[in-house]
Amino acid sequence: MTDAPSLTLDEGVELGYALVLRVAADAGVRALPIKGPVLSRQGLRAHRSSADVDVLVDPAGLPRVQAALEAIGWHDDGFYDTPGIVPWHSVNHRHPQWPCEVDLHHWFPGFLADPGVVFDVLWARRTTVELAARSIDAPDVVAHAAIIALHHLRDGHDTYKQGLLVDLAAVVAGWTDDRRDDLARLAAATGASHALAPFLQQVGVPVLAATVPLAIPTRDWDLRSQTHTTEVFPWLVGLSRTPWHRRPAFVWQAWRTGDQAVRRAGESDRRAVAAARRARLRRAARAMPDAVREYRRLRRG
């Protein structure tokens, strides 16, 4: 029998950041803590508890960090069988004796330049913060504001996140002109100007053209960030981008998506899997008309 977690959530989050950063350093991989308590330390949000640990790692070193975490009992339990309009950006890890999850990000949605280029830019401007009684490298306040703004903008119709974006804008609006101009330059250097444009305009910052090639089309960001029907919409986009001869296999994949999660939950018999498939089909049928309308509207736009 596995012992129950003995850490509180707040303790687990702070110590989790310290742990992952130490594991990454020992593996020779650069890593930066993002979101969570670091935002509070930097004055970018009021203090509140975080539910998990988010760390942005050098994309080239992600497999090494994953392997090192696996070696000490952290296991990737995510399911990545749903298509994404933009590429998958993180992998999820759990530990039976830890009260929170660890999300390893090799890229952050909205930075549309090559992930390696983006990480180098963020790493070059890193600063230090105090976390878990130690000094750690972290994104500087300008870069971290960009990260959290993109996090909120990714779900443009989420009213809660849009409220948080307003709070962030109030903080950034109080910066000096030089610091706010630095935000515009950072956006251009990471291919984030397009994704950040609504926020930059909100705080009176110029939207500059990207100064690096984009690895992800701005159109894909728009499709990801402007839809309500997030469960069905990516499948429509994926189907439209799949050659005709491969579409039957794509539809079969959609039908089976989620089977692994059902089995991992202990429901391994065929009836449980079939029931889960029927439930997904009913949800998809209810959401499909709105998803089709959104797809047509966004394609025209």
C-alpha atoms as a PDB file:
ATOM      1  CA  MET A   1       0.000   0.000   0.000  1.00  0.00           C
ATOM      2  CA  THR A   2       1.306   3.432  -0.903  1.00  0.00           C
ATOM      3  CA  ASP A   3       1.566   5.987   1.881  1.00  0.00           C
ATOM      4  CA  ALA A   4      -0.706   9.014   1.564  1.00  0.00           C
ATOM      5  CA  PRO A   5       0.965  12.357   0.791  1.00  0.00           C
ATOM      6  CA  SER A   6       2.227  14.044   3.964  1.00  0.00           C
ATOM      7  CA  LEU A   7       2.900  17.463   2.413  1.00  0.00           C
ATOM      8  CA  THR A   8       0.278  20.170   2.184  1.00  0.00           C
ATOM      9  CA  LEU A   9      -0.503  21.435  -1.294  1.00  0.00           C
ATOM     10  CA  ASP A  10       1.393  24.714  -0.786  1.00  0.00           C
ATOM     11  CA  GLU A  11       4.401  22.847   0.593  1.00  0.00           C
ATOM     12  CA  GLY A  12       4.276  20.343  -2.234  1.00  0.00           C
ATOM     13  CA  VAL A  13       4.174  23.033  -4.911  1.00  0.00           C
ATOM     14  CA  GLU A  14       7.120  25.039  -3.558  1.00  0.00           C
ATOM     15  CA  LEU A  15       9.228  21.960  -2.870  1.00  0.00           C
ATOM     16  CA  GLY A  16       8.137  20.507  -6.222  1.00  0.00           C
ATOM     17  CA  TYR A  17       9.583  23.473  -8.077  1.00  0.00           C
ATOM     18  CA  ALA A  18      12.843  23.144  -6.171  1.00  0.00           C
ATOM     19  CA  LEU A  19      12.940  19.400  -6.832  1.00  0.00           C
ATOM     20  CA  VAL A  20      12.322  19.613 -10.578  1.00  0.00           C
ATOM     21  CA  LEU A  21      14.854  22.412 -11.031  1.00  0.00           C
ATOM     22  CA  ARG A  22      17.461  20.380  -9.125  1.00  0.00           C
ATOM     23  CA  VAL A  23      16.696  17.266 -11.189  1.00  0.00           C
ATOM     24  CA  ALA A  24      17.034  19.300 -14.401  1.00  0.00           C
ATOM     25  CA  ALA A  25      20.310  20.862 -13.260  1.00  0.00           C
ATOM     26  CA  ASP A  26      21.743  17.458 -12.340  1.00  0.00           C
ATOM     27  CA  ALA A  27      20.746  16.232 -15.807  1.00  0.00           C
ATOM     28  CA  GLY A  28      22.547  19.197 -17.383  1.00  0.00           C
ATOM     29  CA  VAL A  29      19.318  20.758 -18.689  1.00  0.00           C
ATOM     30  CA  ARG A  30      18.352  24.410 -18.406  1.00  0.00           C
ATOM     31  CA  ALA A  31      14.938  24.962 -16.844  1.00  0.00           C
ATOM     32  CA  LEU A  32      12.807  27.867 -15.668  1.00  0.00           C
ATOM     33  CA  PRO A  33       9.905  27.797 -13.192  1.00  0.00           C
ATOM     34  CA  ILE A  34       6.785  29.408 -14.615  1.00  0.00           C
ATOM     35  CA  LYS A  35       3.422  30.441 -13.201  1.00  0.00           C
ATOM     36  CA  GLY A  36       2.589  29.455  -9.630  1.00  0.00           C
ATOM     37  CA  PRO A  37       4.238  31.139  -6.632  1.00  0.00           C
ATOM     38  CA  VAL A  38       6.921  32.763  -8.795  1.00  0.00           C
ATOM     39  CA  LEU A  39       4.251  35.093 -10.173  1.00  0.00           C
ATOM     40  CA  SER A  40       3.365  36.188  -6.642  1.00  0.00           C
ATOM     41  CA  ARG A  41       7.030  36.742  -5.775  1.00  0.00           C
ATOM     42  CA  GLN A  42       7.346  39.011  -8.817  1.00  0.00           C
ATOM     43  CA  GLY A  43       4.195  40.991  -8.076  1.00  0.00           C
ATOM     44  CA  LEU A  44       2.352  39.761 -11.156  1.00  0.00           C
ATOM     45  CA  ARG A  45      -0.592  38.342  -9.198  1.00  0.00           C
ATOM     46  CA  ALA A  46      -1.949  38.250  -5.686  1.00  0.00           C
ATOM     47  CA  HIS A  47      -0.879  35.277  -3.602  1.00  0.00           C
ATOM     48  CA  ARG A  48      -3.031  32.207  -4.019  1.00  0.00           C
ATOM     49  CA  SER A  49      -2.471  28.484  -3.859  1.00  0.00           C
ATOM     50  CA  SER A  50      -1.341  26.690  -7.002  1.00  0.00           C
ATOM     51  CA  ALA A  51      -2.509  23.245  -7.973  1.00  0.00           C
ATOM     52  CA  ASP A  52       0.602  22.026  -9.762  1.00  0.00           C
ATOM     53  CA  VAL A  53       4.219  22.695 -10.684  1.00  0.00           C
ATOM     54  CA  ASP A  54       4.947  24.170 -14.121  1.00  0.00           C
ATOM     55  CA  VAL A  55       8.496  24.190 -15.441  1.00  0.00           C
ATOM     56  CA  LEU A  56       9.688  25.278 -18.877  1.00  0.00           C
ATOM     57  CA  VAL A  57      12.678  23.214 -19.982  1.00  0.00           C
ATOM     58  CA  ASP A  58      15.102  23.526 -22.844  1.00  0.00           C
ATOM     59  CA  PRO A  59      13.303  21.505 -25.566  1.00  0.00           C
ATOM     60  CA  ALA A  60      16.424  19.555 -26.442  1.00  0.00           C
ATOM     61  CA  GLY A  61      16.721  18.350 -22.848  1.00  0.00           C
ATOM     62  CA  LEU A  62      13.122  17.323 -22.185  1.00  0.00           C
ATOM     63  CA  PRO A  63      13.725  13.548 -22.544  1.00  0.00           C
ATOM     64  CA  ARG A  64      16.605  13.716 -20.047  1.00  0.00           C
ATOM     65  CA  VAL A  65      14.492  15.506 -17.443  1.00  0.00           C
ATOM     66  CA  GLN A  66      11.641  13.054 -17.954  1.00  0.00           C
ATOM     67  CA  ALA A  67      13.982  10.098 -17.519  1.00  0.00           C
ATOM     68  CA  ALA A  68      15.490  11.616 -14.370  1.00  0.00           C
ATOM     69  CA  LEU A  69      12.038  12.197 -12.862  1.00  0.00           C
ATOM     70  CA  GLU A  70      10.962   8.661 -13.749  1.00  0.00           C
ATOM     71  CA  ALA A  71      14.025   7.375 -11.904  1.00  0.00           C
ATOM     72  CA  ILE A  72      12.791   8.939  -8.640  1.00  0.00           C
ATOM     73  CA  GLY A  73       9.179   7.846  -8.936  1.00  0.00           C
ATOM     74  CA  TRP A  74       7.513  10.537 -11.056  1.00  0.00           C
ATOM     75  CA  HIS A  75       5.550   8.974 -13.892  1.00  0.00           C
ATOM     76  CA  ASP A  76       4.069  10.493 -17.038  1.00  0.00           C
ATOM     77  CA  ASP A  77       0.382   9.602 -16.818  1.00  0.00           C
ATOM     78  CA  GLY A  78      -0.914  11.872 -19.541  1.00  0.00           C
ATOM     79  CA  PHE A  79      -2.822  10.801 -22.627  1.00  0.00           C
ATOM     80  CA  TYR A  80      -1.864  12.660 -25.780  1.00  0.00           C
ATOM     81  CA  ASP A  81      -4.184  11.056 -28.309  1.00  0.00           C
ATOM     82  CA  THR A  82      -6.346  14.120 -28.948  1.00  0.00           C
ATOM     83  CA  PRO A  83      -5.228  16.249 -31.896  1.00  0.00           C
ATOM     84  CA  GLY A  84      -4.098  19.760 -31.151  1.00  0.00           C
ATOM     85  CA  ILE A  85      -4.551  22.770 -33.381  1.00  0.00           C
ATOM     86  CA  VAL A  86      -1.183  23.909 -32.093  1.00  0.00           C
ATOM     87  CA  PRO A  87       1.444  21.338 -31.050  1.00  0.00           C
ATOM     88  CA  TRP A  88       1.390  19.617 -27.678  1.00  0.00           C
ATOM     89  CA  HIS A  89       3.386  21.762 -25.294  1.00  0.00           C
ATOM     90  CA  SER A  90       3.690  19.848 -22.031  1.00  0.00           C
ATOM     91  CA  VAL A  91       3.775  16.430 -20.400  1.00  0.00           C
ATOM     92  CA  ASN A  92       2.255  15.621 -17.034  1.00  0.00           C
ATOM     93  CA  HIS A  93       3.918  13.688 -14.200  1.00  0.00           C
ATOM     94  CA  ARG A  94       2.578  12.387 -10.876  1.00  0.00           C
ATOM     95  CA  HIS A  95       4.139  10.903  -7.771  1.00  0.00           C
ATOM     96  CA  PRO A  96       2.081   8.780  -5.324  1.00  0.00           C
ATOM     97  CA  GLN A  97       3.506  10.624  -2.303  1.00  0.00           C
ATOM     98  CA  TRP A  98       3.255  14.147  -3.664  1.00  0.00           C
ATOM     99  CA  PRO A  99       0.069  16.284  -3.447  1.00  0.00           C
ATOM    100  CA  CYS A 100       0.494  18.007  -6.799  1.00  0.00           C
ATOM    101  CA  GLU A 101       1.386  17.243 -10.398  1.00  0.00           C
ATOM    102  CA  VAL A 102       4.390  18.373 -12.409  1.00  0.00           C
ATOM    103  CA  ASP A 103       3.879  19.773 -15.903  1.00  0.00           C
ATOM    104  CA  LEU A 104       7.049  19.881 -17.994  1.00  0.00           C
ATOM    105  CA  HIS A 105       6.728  22.394 -20.819  1.00  0.00           C
ATOM    106  CA  HIS A 106       9.078  22.292 -23.778  1.00  0.00           C
ATOM    107  CA  TRP A 107       7.209  25.172 -25.414  1.00  0.00           C
ATOM    108  CA  PHE A 108       4.584  27.671 -24.337  1.00  0.00           C
ATOM    109  CA  PRO A 109       1.612  28.312 -26.656  1.00  0.00           C
ATOM    110  CA  GLY A 110       1.595  31.786 -28.155  1.00  0.00           C
ATOM    111  CA  PHE A 111       5.353  31.981 -28.622  1.00  0.00           C
ATOM    112  CA  LEU A 112       5.173  31.068 -32.297  1.00  0.00           C
ATOM    113  CA  ALA A 113       8.901  31.032 -33.065  1.00  0.00           C
ATOM    114  CA  ASP A 114      10.982  27.854 -32.854  1.00  0.00           C
ATOM    115  CA  PRO A 115      10.757  26.569 -29.235  1.00  0.00           C
ATOM    116  CA  GLY A 116      14.545  26.385 -28.931  1.00  0.00           C
ATOM    117  CA  VAL A 117      14.902  29.997 -30.037  1.00  0.00           C
ATOM    118  CA  VAL A 118      12.208  31.080 -27.594  1.00  0.00           C
ATOM    119  CA  PHE A 119      13.835  29.259 -24.693  1.00  0.00           C
ATOM    120  CA  ASP A 120      17.207  30.855 -25.461  1.00  0.00           C
ATOM    121  CA  VAL A 121      15.606  34.321 -25.393  1.00  0.00           C
ATOM    122  CA  LEU A 122      13.874  33.654 -22.079  1.00  0.00           C
ATOM    123  CA  TRP A 123      16.966  32.081 -20.566  1.00  0.00           C
ATOM    124  CA  ALA A 124      19.180  35.004 -21.580  1.00  0.00           C
ATOM    125  CA  ARG A 125      16.937  37.402 -19.645  1.00  0.00           C
ATOM    126  CA  ARG A 126      16.490  35.222 -16.560  1.00  0.00           C
ATOM    127  CA  THR A 127      16.590  36.615 -13.045  1.00  0.00           C
ATOM    128  CA  THR A 128      16.487  35.001  -9.603  1.00  0.00           C
ATOM    129  CA  VAL A 129      13.704  34.625  -7.048  1.00  0.00           C
ATOM    130  CA  GLU A 130      13.494  33.082  -3.595  1.00  0.00           C
ATOM    131  CA  LEU A 131      11.478  29.877  -3.521  1.00  0.00           C
ATOM    132  CA  ALA A 132      11.525  27.024  -1.000  1.00  0.00           C
ATOM    133  CA  ALA A 133      14.258  28.852   0.958  1.00  0.00           C
ATOM    134  CA  ARG A 134      16.646  28.973  -1.967  1.00  0.00           C
ATOM    135  CA  SER A 135      17.522  31.320  -4.814  1.00  0.00           C
ATOM    136  CA  ILE A 136      16.482  29.939  -8.203  1.00  0.00           C
ATOM    137  CA  ASP A 137      16.653  31.082 -11.808  1.00  0.00           C
ATOM    138  CA  ALA A 138      13.319  32.280 -13.196  1.00  0.00           C
ATOM    139  CA  PRO A 139      11.978  34.308 -16.119  1.00  0.00           C
ATOM    140  CA  ASP A 140      12.368  38.021 -15.527  1.00  0.00           C
ATOM    141  CA  VAL A 141       9.203  39.966 -14.755  1.00  0.00           C
ATOM    142  CA  VAL A 142       8.681  41.094 -18.374  1.00  0.00           C
ATOM    143  CA  ALA A 143       9.043  37.582 -19.788  1.00  0.00           C
ATOM    144  CA  HIS A 144       6.847  36.143 -17.065  1.00  0.00           C
ATOM    145  CA  ALA A 145       4.137  38.712 -17.763  1.00  0.00           C
ATOM    146  CA  ALA A 146       4.208  37.623 -21.410  1.00  0.00           C
ATOM    147  CA  ILE A 147       3.929  33.955 -20.405  1.00  0.00           C
ATOM    148  CA  ILE A 148       0.959  34.451 -18.123  1.00  0.00           C
ATOM    149  CA  ALA A 149      -0.780  36.789 -20.599  1.00  0.00           C
ATOM    150  CA  LEU A 150      -0.478  34.094 -23.271  1.00  0.00           C
ATOM    151  CA  HIS A 151      -1.825  31.531 -20.811  1.00  0.00           C
ATOM    152  CA  HIS A 152      -4.968  33.623 -20.354  1.00  0.00           C
ATOM    153  CA  LEU A 153      -5.290  34.549 -24.041  1.00  0.00           C
ATOM    154  CA  ARG A 154      -5.145  30.914 -25.156  1.00  0.00           C
ATOM    155  CA  ASP A 155      -8.749  30.489 -24.039  1.00  0.00           C
ATOM    156  CA  GLY A 156     -10.232  33.714 -25.299  1.00  0.00           C
ATOM    157  CA  HIS A 157     -13.797  32.844 -24.286  1.00  0.00           C
ATOM    158  CA  ASP A 158     -12.984  31.806 -20.716  1.00  0.00           C
ATOM    159  CA  THR A 159     -14.449  34.620 -18.618  1.00  0.00           C
ATOM    160  CA  TYR A 160     -12.421  33.674 -15.532  1.00  0.00           C
ATOM    161  CA  LYS A 161      -9.130  33.869 -17.422  1.00  0.00           C
ATOM    162  CA  GLN A 162     -10.159  37.119 -19.063  1.00  0.00           C
ATOM    163  CA  GLY A 163     -10.743  38.549 -15.596  1.00  0.00           C
ATOM    164  CA  LEU A 164      -7.232  37.490 -14.599  1.00  0.00           C
ATOM    165  CA  LEU A 165      -5.934  39.136 -17.763  1.00  0.00           C
ATOM    166  CA  VAL A 166      -7.547  42.409 -16.687  1.00  0.00           C
ATOM    167  CA  ASP A 167      -5.782  42.118 -13.320  1.00  0.00           C
ATOM    168  CA  LEU A 168      -2.453  41.511 -15.061  1.00  0.00           C
ATOM    169  CA  ALA A 169      -3.031  44.463 -17.376  1.00  0.00           C
ATOM    170  CA  ALA A 170      -3.529  46.719 -14.344  1.00  0.00           C
ATOM    171  CA  VAL A 171      -0.083  45.692 -13.093  1.00  0.00           C
ATOM    172  CA  VAL A 172       1.663  46.105 -16.450  1.00  0.00           C
ATOM    173  CA  ALA A 173      -0.026  49.474 -17.103  1.00  0.00           C
ATOM    174  CA  GLY A 174       1.807  50.762 -14.039  1.00  0.00           C
ATOM    175  CA  TRP A 175       5.233  49.873 -15.412  1.00  0.00           C
ATOM    176  CA  THR A 176       7.637  52.455 -16.789  1.00  0.00           C
ATOM    177  CA  ASP A 177       7.521  53.166 -20.522  1.00  0.00           C
ATOM    178  CA  ASP A 178      10.903  51.461 -20.937  1.00  0.00           C
ATOM    179  CA  ARG A 179       9.711  48.253 -19.306  1.00  0.00           C
ATOM    180  CA  ARG A 180       6.506  48.168 -21.344  1.00  0.00           C
ATOM    181  CA  ASP A 181       8.487  48.799 -24.552  1.00  0.00           C
ATOM    182  CA  ASP A 182      10.713  45.891 -23.518  1.00  0.00           C
ATOM    183  CA  LEU A 183       7.583  43.716 -23.473  1.00  0.00           C
ATOM    184  CA  ALA A 184       6.904  44.684 -27.092  1.00  0.00           C
ATOM    185  CA  ARG A 185      10.474  43.825 -28.099  1.00  0.00           C
ATOM    186  CA  LEU A 186      10.324  40.495 -26.278  1.00  0.00           C
ATOM    187  CA  ALA A 187       7.107  39.619 -28.109  1.00  0.00           C
ATOM    188  CA  ALA A 188       8.774  40.382 -31.454  1.00  0.00           C
ATOM    189  CA  ALA A 189      11.878  38.329 -30.551  1.00  0.00           C
ATOM    190  CA  THR A 190       9.810  35.247 -29.654  1.00  0.00           C
ATOM    191  CA  GLY A 191       7.199  35.396 -32.411  1.00  0.00           C
ATOM    192  CA  ALA A 192       4.512  36.290 -29.864  1.00  0.00           C
ATOM    193  CA  SER A 193       3.452  39.697 -31.194  1.00  0.00           C
ATOM    194  CA  HIS A 194       0.362  38.329 -32.922  1.00  0.00           C
ATOM    195  CA  ALA A 195      -0.827  36.253 -29.978  1.00  0.00           C
ATOM    196  CA  LEU A 196      -0.108  39.020 -27.462  1.00  0.00           C
ATOM    197  CA  ALA A 197      -1.574  41.811 -29.596  1.00  0.00           C
ATOM    198  CA  PRO A 198      -4.864  42.137 -27.638  1.00  0.00           C
ATOM    199  CA  PHE A 199      -2.961  42.414 -24.361  1.00  0.00           C
ATOM    200  CA  LEU A 200      -0.310  44.766 -25.732  1.00  0.00           C
ATOM    201  CA  GLN A 201      -3.005  47.058 -27.075  1.00  0.00           C
ATOM    202  CA  GLN A 202      -4.822  46.898 -23.748  1.00  0.00           C
ATOM    203  CA  VAL A 203      -1.767  48.237 -21.892  1.00  0.00           C
ATOM    204  CA  GLY A 204      -0.787  50.772 -24.544  1.00  0.00           C
ATOM    205  CA  VAL A 205       2.228  48.906 -25.903  1.00  0.00           C
ATOM    206  CA  PRO A 206       3.064  48.937 -29.628  1.00  0.00           C
ATOM    207  CA  VAL A 207       2.638  45.661 -31.504  1.00  0.00           C
ATOM    208  CA  LEU A 208       5.912  45.098 -33.367  1.00  0.00           C
ATOM    209  CA  ALA A 209       6.472  42.755 -36.279  1.00  0.00           C
ATOM    210  CA  ALA A 210       8.178  39.471 -35.405  1.00  0.00           C
ATOM    211  CA  THR A 211      11.950  39.633 -35.749  1.00  0.00           C
ATOM    212  CA  VAL A 212      12.329  35.837 -36.050  1.00  0.00           C
ATOM    213  CA  PRO A 213      10.769  33.280 -38.409  1.00  0.00           C
ATOM    214  CA  LEU A 214       7.548  31.716 -37.158  1.00  0.00           C
ATOM    215  CA  ALA A 215       7.459  27.953 -36.679  1.00  0.00           C
ATOM    216  CA  ILE A 216       3.693  27.927 -36.033  1.00  0.00           C
ATOM    217  CA  PRO A 217       1.232  29.851 -38.242  1.00  0.00           C
ATOM    218  CA  THR A 218      -0.632  32.725 -36.629  1.00  0.00           C
ATOM    219  CA  ARG A 219      -3.781  31.216 -38.122  1.00  0.00           C
ATOM    220  CA  ASP A 220      -3.387  28.157 -35.911  1.00  0.00           C
ATOM    221  CA  TRP A 221      -3.157  30.338 -32.817  1.00  0.00           C
ATOM    222  CA  ASP A 222      -6.356  32.122 -33.843  1.00  0.00           C
ATOM    223  CA  LEU A 223      -8.154  28.817 -34.335  1.00  0.00           C
ATOM    224  CA  ARG A 224      -6.971  27.599 -30.913  1.00  0.00           C
ATOM    225  CA  SER A 225      -7.718  30.754 -28.943  1.00  0.00           C
ATOM    226  CA  GLN A 226     -11.049  31.855 -30.412  1.00  0.00           C
ATOM    227  CA  THR A 227     -13.211  28.758 -30.110  1.00  0.00           C
ATOM    228  CA  HIS A 228     -15.825  27.799 -27.505  1.00  0.00           C
ATOM    229  CA  THR A 229     -16.166  24.139 -28.543  1.00  0.00           C
ATOM    230  CA  THR A 230     -12.749  22.985 -27.416  1.00  0.00           C
ATOM    231  CA  GLU A 231     -13.605  19.265 -27.156  1.00  0.00           C
ATOM    232  CA  VAL A 232     -14.818  18.814 -30.730  1.00  0.00           C
ATOM    233  CA  PHE A 233     -13.214  21.669 -32.621  1.00  0.00           C
ATOM    234  CA  PRO A 234      -9.647  20.238 -32.764  1.00  0.00           C
ATOM    235  CA  TRP A 235     -11.027  17.070 -34.358  1.00  0.00           C
ATOM    236  CA  LEU A 236     -12.712  19.113 -37.096  1.00  0.00           C
ATOM    237  CA  VAL A 237      -9.488  20.964 -37.788  1.00  0.00           C
ATOM    238  CA  GLY A 238      -7.510  17.730 -37.745  1.00  0.00           C
ATOM    239  CA  LEU A 239      -9.950  16.032 -40.102  1.00  0.00           C
ATOM    240  CA  SER A 240      -9.762  18.941 -42.554  1.00  0.00           C
ATOM    241  CA  ARG A 241      -5.960  18.613 -42.598  1.00  0.00           C
ATOM    242  CA  THR A 242      -5.940  14.847 -43.056  1.00  0.00           C
ATOM    243  CA  PRO A 243      -5.664  13.413 -46.591  1.00  0.00           C
ATOM    244  CA  TRP A 244      -8.838  11.681 -47.768  1.00  0.00           C
ATOM    245  CA  HIS A 245      -7.275   8.231 -47.794  1.00  0.00           C
ATOM    246  CA  ARG A 246      -6.296   8.567 -44.117  1.00  0.00           C
ATOM    247  CA  ARG A 247      -9.591   9.961 -42.836  1.00  0.00           C
ATOM    248  CA  PRO A 248     -11.167   6.597 -41.912  1.00  0.00           C
ATOM    249  CA  ALA A 249      -8.222   5.912 -39.609  1.00  0.00           C
ATOM    250  CA  PHE A 250      -8.525   9.420 -38.171  1.00  0.00           C
ATOM    251  CA  VAL A 251     -12.223   8.867 -37.382  1.00  0.00           C
ATOM    252  CA  TRP A 252     -11.377   5.506 -35.791  1.00  0.00           C
ATOM    253  CA  GLN A 253      -8.792   7.280 -33.618  1.00  0.00           C
ATOM    254  CA  ALA A 254     -11.449   9.770 -32.527  1.00  0.00           C
ATOM    255  CA  TRP A 255     -13.781   6.905 -31.587  1.00  0.00           C
ATOM    256  CA  ARG A 256     -11.090   5.264 -29.433  1.00  0.00           C
ATOM    257  CA  THR A 257      -9.750   8.441 -27.795  1.00  0.00           C
ATOM    258  CA  GLY A 258     -10.030   8.120 -24.039  1.00  0.00           C
ATOM    259  CA  ASP A 259      -9.976   4.315 -23.920  1.00  0.00           C
ATOM    260  CA  GLN A 260      -6.625   4.294 -22.123  1.00  0.00           C
ATOM    261  CA  ALA A 261      -7.880   6.659 -19.437  1.00  0.00           C
ATOM    262  CA  VAL A 262     -10.880   4.424 -18.784  1.00  0.00           C
ATOM    263  CA  ARG A 263      -8.667   1.364 -18.467  1.00  0.00           C
ATOM    264  CA  ARG A 264      -6.186   3.110 -16.189  1.00  0.00           C
ATOM    265  CA  ALA A 265      -9.057   4.095 -13.900  1.00  0.00           C
ATOM    266  CA  GLY A 266      -9.614   0.387 -13.327  1.00  0.00           C
ATOM    267  CA  GLU A 267     -12.532  -0.050 -15.713  1.00  0.00           C
ATOM    268  CA  SER A 268     -10.893  -2.576 -18.002  1.00  0.00           C
ATOM    269  CA  ASP A 269     -13.886  -4.581 -19.183  1.00  0.00           C
ATOM    270  CA  ARG A 270     -15.381  -4.042 -22.609  1.00  0.00           C
ATOM    271  CA  ARG A 271     -18.666  -2.735 -21.291  1.00  0.00           C
ATOM    272  CA  ALA A 272     -16.968   0.133 -19.430  1.00  0.00           C
ATOM    273  CA  VAL A 273     -14.952   1.082 -22.488  1.00  0.00           C
ATOM    274  CA  ALA A 274     -18.025   0.900 -24.725  1.00  0.00           C
ATOM    275  CA  ALA A 275     -20.048   3.020 -22.287  1.00  0.00           C
ATOM    276  CA  ALA A 276     -17.300   5.648 -22.227  1.00  0.00           C
ATOM    277  CA  ARG A 277     -17.234   5.689 -26.019  1.00  0.00           C
ATOM    278  CA  ARG A 278     -21.002   6.183 -26.186  1.00  0.00           C
ATOM    279  CA  ALA A 279     -20.796   9.030 -23.687  1.00  0.00           C
ATOM    280  CA  ARG A 280     -18.098  10.730 -25.779  1.00  0.00           C
ATOM    281  CA  LEU A 281     -20.214  10.270 -28.892  1.00  0.00           C
ATOM    282  CA  ARG A 282     -23.226  11.898 -27.199  1.00  0.00           C
ATOM    283  CA  ARG A 283     -21.129  14.863 -26.086  1.00  0.00           C
ATOM    284  CA  ALA A 284     -19.663  15.205 -29.566  1.00  0.00           C
ATOM    285  CA  ALA A 285     -23.109  15.075 -31.172  1.00  0.00           C
ATOM    286  CA  ARG A 286     -24.367  17.853 -28.895  1.00  0.00           C
ATOM    287  CA  ALA A 287     -21.314  20.033 -29.531  1.00  0.00           C
ATOM    288  CA  MET A 288     -20.935  19.346 -33.253  1.00  0.00           C
ATOM    289  CA  PRO A 289     -23.404  21.938 -34.670  1.00  0.00           C
ATOM    290  CA  ASP A 290     -21.750  24.769 -32.732  1.00  0.00           C
ATOM    291  CA  ALA A 291     -18.297  23.480 -33.609  1.00  0.00           C
ATOM    292  CA  VAL A 292     -19.116  23.403 -37.329  1.00  0.00           C
ATOM    293  CA  ARG A 293     -20.483  26.950 -37.167  1.00  0.00           C
ATOM    294  CA  GLU A 294     -17.358  28.133 -35.345  1.00  0.00           C
ATOM    295  CA  TYR A 295     -15.115  26.348 -37.809  1.00  0.00           C
ATOM    296  CA  ARG A 296     -16.810  27.997 -40.773  1.00  0.00           C
ATOM    297  CA  ARG A 297     -16.768  31.426 -39.107  1.00  0.00           C
ATOM    298  CA  LEU A 298     -13.087  31.248 -38.187  1.00  0.00           C
ATOM    299  CA  ARG A 299     -12.093  29.949 -41.616  1.00  0.00           C
ATOM    300  CA  ARG A 300     -13.869  32.881 -43.246  1.00  0.00           C
ATOM    301  CA  GLY A 301     -12.228  35.298 -40.836  1.00  0.00           C
END
